[in-house]
Structure formats: C-alpha cells, structure tokens
C-alpha cells in the first residue's frame, strides 16, 4: 500500500534515496497520508476524552462525543498542522533560494509534510504514557526545519546561464 511506503520513506529521511522516492509520490497521496497520520496521532487524546468523568462532554452519547472531538480537536489540529507545514515550506523556499537550489514550493511542501512523521509518532507514543505539553509542537517545528535544510542540500545547485 502506498501509505506504508510513504511511512517507511518518511522515517528514513533525510537519506537521499528516501527523499527522491517521496518526490515521485503525488501530492494527493501525501495529503491523504498526513490526514491519516493526524487521525492516528489523535487517538490518545480521543481515549483521554472518552475516559473523562466530568467536564463539557462527559454526559454526552459516544456519537456526540466523537462529533464534538472531530469538530473541536481534530479539525482545528489539522488546520494548524497544514498552516505550520506551509510556513515550514515557505521558509524552506527562502533557504533553497539562499543556497541557490532550484526547488518549487510544492516539492518543499511535500518534503515538509513528510518530515513531521517522526515527531508525530513520538508524540503519539509519549501521549499514551504522559500528558504532553504543547511546547512539543515547537520542537516539531525546529526538527522539521532542520531536516528540510539537510534535504535541500541533496539537490544540485543551479547552473549559471
């Protein structure tokens, strides 16, 4: 399945072979992969919400709790993650320009989307054990920028005309 391939290559980043394999995958598959990854990462919080005995959603039916969780947690998280990936790709565009590499924004966005795999999986596993602070997102942002910088270096410089 294509999503397992994306996962395997994303974990191997910043290796050159994994990078170029991911570049051959379409943007639509990367976006679907990211949506699936965000759903998987949301599992610990969903379990936490179901186990709450008091609070806003404690007395709701499980279907309404799911709808509430989807609207007020998953969708908002997805929007913020897509904005963060877009910002990382935009910063990557500036870095590639300074390094004189010819990379398109779409390619940088795909690469940025794949760099969040390791921090997201780490976040999910840690969330099952402890409550994770939101500052983890800042480290995810820095990790993705560092990984993107290393991956940009794999591309050849522009030829002088």
N, C-alpha and C. Protein backbone atom coordinates (compact mmCIF):
# COMPACT_ATOMS: atom_id res chain seq x y z
N UNK A 1 0.84 -1.18 0.00
CA UNK A 1 0.00 0.00 0.00
C UNK A 1 0.89 1.24 0.00
N UNK A 2 0.43 2.27 -0.66
CA UNK A 2 1.23 3.48 -0.86
C UNK A 2 1.51 4.21 0.44
N UNK A 3 0.57 4.16 1.39
CA UNK A 3 0.76 4.88 2.64
C UNK A 3 1.84 4.25 3.51
N UNK A 4 1.97 2.94 3.42
CA UNK A 4 3.05 2.26 4.15
C UNK A 4 4.40 2.64 3.53
N UNK A 5 4.43 2.76 2.22
CA UNK A 5 5.67 3.20 1.54
C UNK A 5 6.04 4.63 1.96
N UNK A 6 5.05 5.50 2.02
CA UNK A 6 5.30 6.88 2.45
C UNK A 6 5.83 6.88 3.87
N UNK A 7 5.24 6.07 4.74
CA UNK A 7 5.69 5.99 6.13
C UNK A 7 7.13 5.50 6.21
N UNK A 8 7.44 4.43 5.47
CA UNK A 8 8.82 3.90 5.50
C UNK A 8 9.83 4.93 5.01
N UNK A 9 9.52 5.59 3.91
CA UNK A 9 10.45 6.59 3.38
C UNK A 9 10.54 7.82 4.27
N UNK A 10 9.43 8.19 4.91
CA UNK A 10 9.44 9.36 5.79
C UNK A 10 10.30 9.11 7.02
N UNK A 11 10.29 7.89 7.51
CA UNK A 11 11.12 7.56 8.67
C UNK A 11 12.60 7.56 8.30
N UNK A 12 12.91 7.22 7.06
CA UNK A 12 14.30 7.17 6.61
C UNK A 12 14.89 8.53 6.26
N UNK A 13 14.05 9.57 6.25
CA UNK A 13 14.57 10.90 5.90
C UNK A 13 15.66 11.31 6.87
N UNK A 14 16.68 11.99 6.48
CA UNK A 14 16.95 12.71 5.24
C UNK A 14 17.80 11.93 4.23
N UNK A 15 17.75 10.61 4.24
CA UNK A 15 18.51 9.85 3.25
C UNK A 15 18.08 10.24 1.84
N UNK A 16 19.07 10.30 0.98
CA UNK A 16 18.85 10.77 -0.39
C UNK A 16 17.88 9.86 -1.15
N UNK A 17 18.03 8.56 -1.00
CA UNK A 17 17.17 7.62 -1.73
C UNK A 17 15.71 7.76 -1.27
N UNK A 18 15.49 7.87 0.03
CA UNK A 18 14.13 8.03 0.55
C UNK A 18 13.53 9.35 0.08
N UNK A 19 14.34 10.39 0.06
CA UNK A 19 13.89 11.70 -0.38
C UNK A 19 13.40 11.66 -1.82
N UNK A 20 14.18 11.07 -2.70
CA UNK A 20 13.79 11.03 -4.11
C UNK A 20 12.63 10.06 -4.36
N UNK A 21 12.48 9.02 -3.54
CA UNK A 21 11.31 8.15 -3.65
C UNK A 21 10.04 8.90 -3.27
N UNK A 22 10.13 9.73 -2.22
CA UNK A 22 8.96 10.53 -1.81
C UNK A 22 8.60 11.57 -2.85
N UNK A 23 9.59 12.09 -3.55
CA UNK A 23 9.31 13.11 -4.58
C UNK A 23 8.52 12.53 -5.74
N UNK A 24 8.57 11.22 -5.93
CA UNK A 24 7.83 10.59 -7.02
C UNK A 24 6.37 10.34 -6.67
N UNK A 25 6.02 10.50 -5.41
CA UNK A 25 4.65 10.27 -4.96
C UNK A 25 3.85 11.55 -5.14
N UNK A 26 2.63 11.43 -5.56
CA UNK A 26 1.79 12.59 -5.84
C UNK A 26 1.39 13.35 -4.57
N UNK A 27 1.11 14.62 -4.77
CA UNK A 27 0.73 15.48 -3.65
C UNK A 27 -0.57 15.00 -3.00
N UNK A 28 -1.50 14.46 -3.79
CA UNK A 28 -2.76 13.99 -3.22
C UNK A 28 -2.53 12.86 -2.23
N UNK A 29 -1.62 11.95 -2.53
CA UNK A 29 -1.34 10.84 -1.62
C UNK A 29 -0.65 11.34 -0.34
N UNK A 30 0.19 12.34 -0.47
CA UNK A 30 0.87 12.92 0.70
C UNK A 30 -0.16 13.58 1.62
N UNK A 31 -1.11 14.28 1.04
CA UNK A 31 -2.14 14.95 1.86
C UNK A 31 -3.02 13.92 2.56
N UNK A 32 -3.42 12.88 1.86
CA UNK A 32 -4.23 11.83 2.48
C UNK A 32 -3.42 11.13 3.58
N UNK A 33 -2.14 10.89 3.31
CA UNK A 33 -1.25 10.29 4.32
C UNK A 33 -1.18 11.17 5.56
N UNK A 34 -1.07 12.47 5.38
CA UNK A 34 -0.99 13.39 6.50
C UNK A 34 -2.29 13.41 7.30
N UNK A 35 -3.43 13.35 6.63
CA UNK A 35 -4.72 13.31 7.31
C UNK A 35 -4.86 12.02 8.12
N UNK A 36 -4.42 10.90 7.55
CA UNK A 36 -4.44 9.62 8.27
C UNK A 36 -3.50 9.67 9.46
N UNK A 37 -2.30 10.25 9.26
CA UNK A 37 -1.32 10.36 10.34
C UNK A 37 -1.89 11.20 11.49
N UNK A 38 -2.57 12.29 11.16
CA UNK A 38 -3.16 13.13 12.20
C UNK A 38 -4.27 12.40 12.95
N UNK A 39 -5.02 11.56 12.24
CA UNK A 39 -6.06 10.78 12.91
C UNK A 39 -5.43 9.78 13.88
N UNK A 40 -4.34 9.16 13.47
CA UNK A 40 -3.65 8.20 14.34
C UNK A 40 -3.05 8.91 15.55
N UNK A 41 -2.49 10.08 15.33
CA UNK A 41 -1.89 10.85 16.42
C UNK A 41 -2.96 11.33 17.40
N UNK A 42 -4.18 11.48 16.95
CA UNK A 42 -5.27 11.95 17.81
C UNK A 42 -5.84 10.86 18.71
N UNK A 43 -5.48 9.62 18.48
CA UNK A 43 -6.04 8.51 19.26
C UNK A 43 -5.85 8.67 20.77
N UNK A 44 -4.64 9.02 21.26
CA UNK A 44 -4.51 9.17 22.72
C UNK A 44 -5.43 10.24 23.31
N UNK A 45 -5.59 11.34 22.62
CA UNK A 45 -6.49 12.39 23.11
C UNK A 45 -7.94 11.93 23.06
N UNK A 46 -8.32 11.19 22.04
CA UNK A 46 -9.68 10.66 21.94
C UNK A 46 -9.97 9.72 23.11
N UNK A 47 -9.01 8.85 23.42
CA UNK A 47 -9.17 7.93 24.55
C UNK A 47 -9.27 8.72 25.86
N UNK A 48 -8.46 9.75 25.98
CA UNK A 48 -8.49 10.60 27.18
C UNK A 48 -9.85 11.27 27.34
N UNK A 49 -10.41 11.75 26.23
CA UNK A 49 -11.73 12.40 26.28
C UNK A 49 -12.83 11.40 26.65
N UNK A 50 -12.72 10.17 26.16
CA UNK A 50 -13.73 9.16 26.49
C UNK A 50 -13.68 8.76 27.96
N UNK A 51 -12.50 8.81 28.55
CA UNK A 51 -12.34 8.40 29.94
C UNK A 51 -12.65 9.50 30.95
N UNK A 52 -12.92 10.72 30.48
CA UNK A 52 -13.24 11.80 31.40
C UNK A 52 -14.60 11.57 32.03
N UNK A 53 -14.65 11.72 33.35
CA UNK A 53 -15.92 11.53 34.04
C UNK A 53 -16.62 12.85 34.33
N UNK A 54 -15.93 13.95 34.16
CA UNK A 54 -16.55 15.26 34.34
C UNK A 54 -16.05 16.20 33.25
N UNK A 55 -16.72 17.29 33.08
CA UNK A 55 -16.32 18.24 32.06
C UNK A 55 -17.43 18.43 31.04
N UNK A 56 -17.09 19.12 29.96
CA UNK A 56 -18.09 19.51 28.97
C UNK A 56 -18.72 18.31 28.27
N UNK A 57 -17.97 17.35 27.86
CA UNK A 57 -18.54 16.26 27.07
C UNK A 57 -18.76 14.97 27.82
N UNK A 58 -18.66 14.98 29.14
CA UNK A 58 -18.72 13.73 29.91
C UNK A 58 -20.09 13.06 29.86
N UNK A 59 -21.16 13.82 29.78
CA UNK A 59 -22.50 13.24 29.82
C UNK A 59 -23.08 12.96 28.43
N UNK A 60 -22.31 13.22 27.39
CA UNK A 60 -22.81 13.04 26.03
C UNK A 60 -22.76 11.58 25.60
N UNK A 61 -23.59 11.26 24.63
CA UNK A 61 -23.56 9.98 23.95
C UNK A 61 -22.22 9.86 23.22
N UNK A 62 -21.74 8.64 22.99
CA UNK A 62 -20.43 8.44 22.37
C UNK A 62 -20.39 9.01 20.95
N UNK A 63 -21.50 8.97 20.24
CA UNK A 63 -21.54 9.52 18.89
C UNK A 63 -21.37 11.03 18.93
N UNK A 64 -22.05 11.67 19.88
CA UNK A 64 -21.91 13.11 20.01
C UNK A 64 -20.52 13.49 20.52
N UNK A 65 -19.94 12.65 21.36
CA UNK A 65 -18.56 12.90 21.80
C UNK A 65 -17.60 12.83 20.62
N UNK A 66 -17.83 11.88 19.73
CA UNK A 66 -16.98 11.78 18.54
C UNK A 66 -17.13 13.01 17.66
N UNK A 67 -18.36 13.45 17.45
CA UNK A 67 -18.59 14.65 16.63
C UNK A 67 -17.95 15.86 17.29
N UNK A 68 -18.12 15.98 18.59
CA UNK A 68 -17.52 17.08 19.35
C UNK A 68 -16.00 17.05 19.23
N UNK A 69 -15.42 15.85 19.39
CA UNK A 69 -13.97 15.68 19.28
C UNK A 69 -13.49 16.04 17.88
N UNK A 70 -14.22 15.57 16.88
CA UNK A 70 -13.84 15.84 15.50
C UNK A 70 -13.87 17.33 15.19
N UNK A 71 -14.91 18.02 15.64
CA UNK A 71 -15.06 19.45 15.33
C UNK A 71 -14.09 20.33 16.11
N UNK A 72 -13.91 20.03 17.38
CA UNK A 72 -13.17 20.95 18.23
C UNK A 72 -11.74 20.51 18.54
N UNK A 73 -11.34 19.35 18.08
CA UNK A 73 -9.95 18.95 18.29
C UNK A 73 -9.29 18.60 16.96
N UNK A 74 -9.82 17.59 16.28
CA UNK A 74 -9.17 17.08 15.06
C UNK A 74 -9.13 18.13 13.94
N UNK A 75 -10.24 18.77 13.65
CA UNK A 75 -10.26 19.75 12.56
C UNK A 75 -9.35 20.94 12.85
N UNK A 76 -9.40 21.43 14.08
CA UNK A 76 -8.55 22.56 14.45
C UNK A 76 -7.08 22.17 14.39
N UNK A 77 -6.76 20.97 14.89
CA UNK A 77 -5.38 20.50 14.83
C UNK A 77 -4.92 20.34 13.37
N UNK A 78 -5.79 19.83 12.52
CA UNK A 78 -5.44 19.64 11.12
C UNK A 78 -5.16 20.98 10.44
N UNK A 79 -5.98 21.96 10.70
CA UNK A 79 -5.77 23.30 10.12
C UNK A 79 -4.43 23.87 10.58
N UNK A 80 -4.14 23.78 11.87
CA UNK A 80 -2.88 24.31 12.39
C UNK A 80 -1.67 23.56 11.82
N UNK A 81 -1.79 22.25 11.67
CA UNK A 81 -0.67 21.47 11.12
C UNK A 81 -0.44 21.85 9.66
N UNK A 82 -1.50 22.00 8.88
CA UNK A 82 -1.33 22.39 7.48
C UNK A 82 -0.75 23.79 7.36
N UNK A 83 -1.15 24.69 8.24
CA UNK A 83 -0.55 26.04 8.23
C UNK A 83 0.92 25.96 8.61
N UNK A 84 1.26 25.17 9.63
CA UNK A 84 2.66 25.04 10.05
C UNK A 84 3.52 24.44 8.94
N UNK A 85 3.00 23.43 8.25
CA UNK A 85 3.75 22.82 7.15
C UNK A 85 3.93 23.84 6.03
N UNK A 86 2.93 24.64 5.76
CA UNK A 86 3.05 25.68 4.73
C UNK A 86 4.10 26.72 5.10
N UNK A 87 4.14 27.09 6.38
CA UNK A 87 5.16 28.04 6.84
C UNK A 87 6.55 27.43 6.74
N UNK A 88 6.69 26.17 7.13
CA UNK A 88 7.98 25.49 7.02
C UNK A 88 8.42 25.43 5.56
N UNK A 89 7.51 25.11 4.65
CA UNK A 89 7.84 25.05 3.23
C UNK A 89 8.23 26.44 2.70
N UNK A 90 7.54 27.47 3.19
CA UNK A 90 7.87 28.84 2.76
C UNK A 90 9.26 29.23 3.25
N UNK A 91 9.59 28.89 4.48
CA UNK A 91 10.94 29.14 4.99
C UNK A 91 11.95 28.32 4.18
N UNK A 92 11.57 27.09 3.85
CA UNK A 92 12.43 26.24 3.02
C UNK A 92 12.67 26.83 1.64
N UNK A 93 11.67 27.51 1.11
CA UNK A 93 11.83 28.19 -0.19
C UNK A 93 12.89 29.27 -0.09
N UNK A 94 12.86 30.02 1.01
CA UNK A 94 13.89 31.04 1.23
C UNK A 94 15.26 30.42 1.40
N UNK A 95 15.34 29.32 2.14
CA UNK A 95 16.62 28.63 2.34
C UNK A 95 17.14 28.10 1.02
N UNK A 96 16.27 27.51 0.21
CA UNK A 96 16.72 26.97 -1.08
C UNK A 96 17.18 28.09 -2.01
N UNK A 97 16.54 29.25 -1.90
CA UNK A 97 16.98 30.39 -2.71
C UNK A 97 18.36 30.87 -2.26
N UNK A 98 18.57 30.94 -0.96
CA UNK A 98 19.88 31.36 -0.44
C UNK A 98 20.98 30.35 -0.77
N UNK A 99 20.62 29.07 -0.83
CA UNK A 99 21.59 28.02 -1.15
C UNK A 99 21.71 27.80 -2.66
N UNK A 100 20.98 28.61 -3.42
CA UNK A 100 20.99 28.55 -4.89
C UNK A 100 20.56 27.18 -5.42
N UNK A 101 19.49 26.64 -4.82
CA UNK A 101 18.89 25.39 -5.29
C UNK A 101 17.57 25.74 -5.96
N UNK A 102 17.26 25.02 -7.02
CA UNK A 102 16.02 25.30 -7.76
C UNK A 102 14.97 24.27 -7.31
N UNK A 103 14.19 24.65 -6.30
CA UNK A 103 13.14 23.79 -5.77
C UNK A 103 11.82 24.55 -5.78
N UNK A 104 10.76 23.87 -6.18
CA UNK A 104 9.45 24.51 -6.19
C UNK A 104 8.82 24.43 -4.80
N UNK A 105 7.85 25.32 -4.59
CA UNK A 105 7.16 25.34 -3.30
C UNK A 105 6.41 24.03 -3.06
N UNK A 106 5.80 23.48 -4.11
CA UNK A 106 5.07 22.22 -3.96
C UNK A 106 5.97 21.08 -3.51
N UNK A 107 7.15 21.00 -4.07
CA UNK A 107 8.10 19.97 -3.68
C UNK A 107 8.55 20.17 -2.23
N UNK A 108 8.80 21.41 -1.85
CA UNK A 108 9.19 21.71 -0.47
C UNK A 108 8.05 21.41 0.50
N UNK A 109 6.81 21.63 0.07
CA UNK A 109 5.66 21.34 0.93
C UNK A 109 5.56 19.84 1.17
N UNK A 110 5.74 19.05 0.10
CA UNK A 110 5.71 17.59 0.24
C UNK A 110 6.80 17.12 1.18
N UNK A 111 8.00 17.66 1.00
CA UNK A 111 9.11 17.27 1.86
C UNK A 111 8.83 17.67 3.31
N UNK A 112 8.28 18.84 3.53
CA UNK A 112 7.96 19.31 4.88
C UNK A 112 6.88 18.44 5.52
N UNK A 113 5.90 18.03 4.73
CA UNK A 113 4.83 17.19 5.26
C UNK A 113 5.38 15.84 5.72
N UNK A 114 6.38 15.34 5.03
CA UNK A 114 6.95 14.04 5.41
C UNK A 114 7.90 14.15 6.60
N UNK A 115 8.43 15.34 6.86
CA UNK A 115 9.35 15.49 7.99
C UNK A 115 8.66 15.42 9.34
N UNK A 116 7.35 15.61 9.37
CA UNK A 116 6.65 15.60 10.66
C UNK A 116 6.28 14.19 11.12
N UNK A 117 6.59 13.17 10.34
CA UNK A 117 6.22 11.79 10.68
C UNK A 117 6.85 11.35 12.00
N UNK A 118 8.15 11.50 12.12
CA UNK A 118 8.84 11.04 13.34
C UNK A 118 8.35 11.79 14.57
N UNK A 119 8.28 13.14 14.56
CA UNK A 119 7.75 13.81 15.75
C UNK A 119 6.31 13.44 16.08
N UNK A 120 5.48 13.22 15.07
CA UNK A 120 4.09 12.84 15.34
C UNK A 120 4.00 11.46 15.98
N UNK A 121 4.77 10.51 15.47
CA UNK A 121 4.76 9.18 16.07
C UNK A 121 5.31 9.22 17.49
N UNK A 122 6.35 9.99 17.70
CA UNK A 122 6.91 10.16 19.04
C UNK A 122 5.88 10.79 19.98
N UNK A 123 5.18 11.80 19.49
CA UNK A 123 4.14 12.46 20.27
C UNK A 123 3.05 11.47 20.66
N UNK A 124 2.65 10.62 19.71
CA UNK A 124 1.59 9.66 19.98
C UNK A 124 2.02 8.66 21.06
N UNK A 125 3.22 8.10 20.94
CA UNK A 125 3.67 7.12 21.92
C UNK A 125 3.85 7.72 23.30
N UNK A 126 4.38 8.93 23.35
CA UNK A 126 4.56 9.59 24.65
C UNK A 126 3.21 9.96 25.25
N UNK A 127 2.24 10.33 24.41
CA UNK A 127 0.91 10.72 24.90
C UNK A 127 0.16 9.58 25.57
N UNK A 128 0.47 8.35 25.19
CA UNK A 128 -0.17 7.22 25.85
C UNK A 128 0.32 7.08 27.29
N UNK A 129 1.52 7.55 27.57
CA UNK A 129 2.11 7.39 28.89
C UNK A 129 1.92 8.64 29.76
N UNK A 130 2.28 9.81 29.20
CA UNK A 130 2.21 11.07 29.94
C UNK A 130 1.39 12.09 29.16
N UNK A 131 0.97 13.10 29.88
CA UNK A 131 0.33 14.26 29.23
C UNK A 131 1.44 15.10 28.60
N UNK A 132 1.37 15.34 27.30
CA UNK A 132 2.42 16.05 26.59
C UNK A 132 2.05 17.53 26.50
N UNK A 133 3.01 18.38 26.80
CA UNK A 133 2.82 19.82 26.75
C UNK A 133 2.80 20.30 25.30
N UNK A 134 2.17 21.43 25.07
CA UNK A 134 2.11 21.99 23.72
C UNK A 134 3.46 22.49 23.22
N UNK A 135 4.43 22.64 24.10
CA UNK A 135 5.77 23.07 23.67
C UNK A 135 6.42 22.02 22.77
N UNK A 136 5.90 20.80 22.80
CA UNK A 136 6.40 19.75 21.91
C UNK A 136 6.24 20.17 20.45
N UNK A 137 5.22 20.95 20.16
CA UNK A 137 4.99 21.41 18.79
C UNK A 137 6.11 22.32 18.31
N UNK A 138 6.67 23.11 19.21
CA UNK A 138 7.80 23.97 18.85
C UNK A 138 9.01 23.13 18.44
N UNK A 139 9.26 22.04 19.18
CA UNK A 139 10.37 21.16 18.83
C UNK A 139 10.11 20.44 17.51
N UNK A 140 8.85 20.12 17.25
CA UNK A 140 8.49 19.52 15.96
C UNK A 140 8.80 20.49 14.82
N UNK A 141 8.47 21.76 15.04
CA UNK A 141 8.74 22.80 14.04
C UNK A 141 10.24 22.90 13.78
N UNK A 142 11.05 22.94 14.85
CA UNK A 142 12.50 23.03 14.69
C UNK A 142 13.08 21.78 14.03
N UNK A 143 12.58 20.60 14.41
CA UNK A 143 13.04 19.35 13.82
C UNK A 143 12.76 19.34 12.32
N UNK A 144 11.56 19.76 11.94
CA UNK A 144 11.19 19.77 10.52
C UNK A 144 12.04 20.75 9.73
N UNK A 145 12.30 21.92 10.31
CA UNK A 145 13.15 22.89 9.62
C UNK A 145 14.57 22.36 9.44
N UNK A 146 15.12 21.74 10.48
CA UNK A 146 16.46 21.17 10.38
C UNK A 146 16.54 20.07 9.35
N UNK A 147 15.55 19.19 9.35
CA UNK A 147 15.52 18.10 8.39
C UNK A 147 15.35 18.63 6.96
N UNK A 148 14.52 19.65 6.80
CA UNK A 148 14.33 20.25 5.48
C UNK A 148 15.62 20.89 4.98
N UNK A 149 16.36 21.54 5.87
CA UNK A 149 17.64 22.14 5.49
C UNK A 149 18.61 21.07 4.99
N UNK A 150 18.67 19.95 5.69
CA UNK A 150 19.56 18.86 5.26
C UNK A 150 19.11 18.30 3.91
N UNK A 151 17.80 18.17 3.71
CA UNK A 151 17.30 17.61 2.45
C UNK A 151 17.53 18.55 1.28
N UNK A 152 17.46 19.84 1.52
CA UNK A 152 17.70 20.81 0.44
C UNK A 152 19.13 20.68 -0.07
N UNK A 153 20.05 20.33 0.82
CA UNK A 153 21.45 20.19 0.42
C UNK A 153 21.68 19.02 -0.54
N UNK A 154 20.75 18.07 -0.60
CA UNK A 154 20.90 16.93 -1.51
C UNK A 154 20.66 17.32 -2.97
N UNK A 155 20.03 18.43 -3.20
CA UNK A 155 19.73 18.87 -4.56
C UNK A 155 20.91 19.65 -5.13
N UNK A 156 21.15 19.51 -6.42
CA UNK A 156 22.30 20.22 -7.03
C UNK A 156 22.02 21.74 -7.12
N UNK A 157 23.11 22.49 -7.17
CA UNK A 157 22.98 23.93 -7.31
C UNK A 157 22.52 24.27 -8.72
N UNK A 158 21.98 25.48 -8.85
CA UNK A 158 21.54 25.95 -10.17
C UNK A 158 22.74 26.16 -11.07
N UNK A 159 22.52 25.91 -12.33
CA UNK A 159 23.57 26.22 -13.30
C UNK A 159 23.54 27.70 -13.63
N UNK A 160 24.71 28.27 -13.80
CA UNK A 160 24.77 29.69 -14.19
C UNK A 160 24.55 29.78 -15.69
N UNK A 161 23.69 30.72 -16.09
CA UNK A 161 23.40 30.84 -17.52
C UNK A 161 24.15 31.97 -18.16
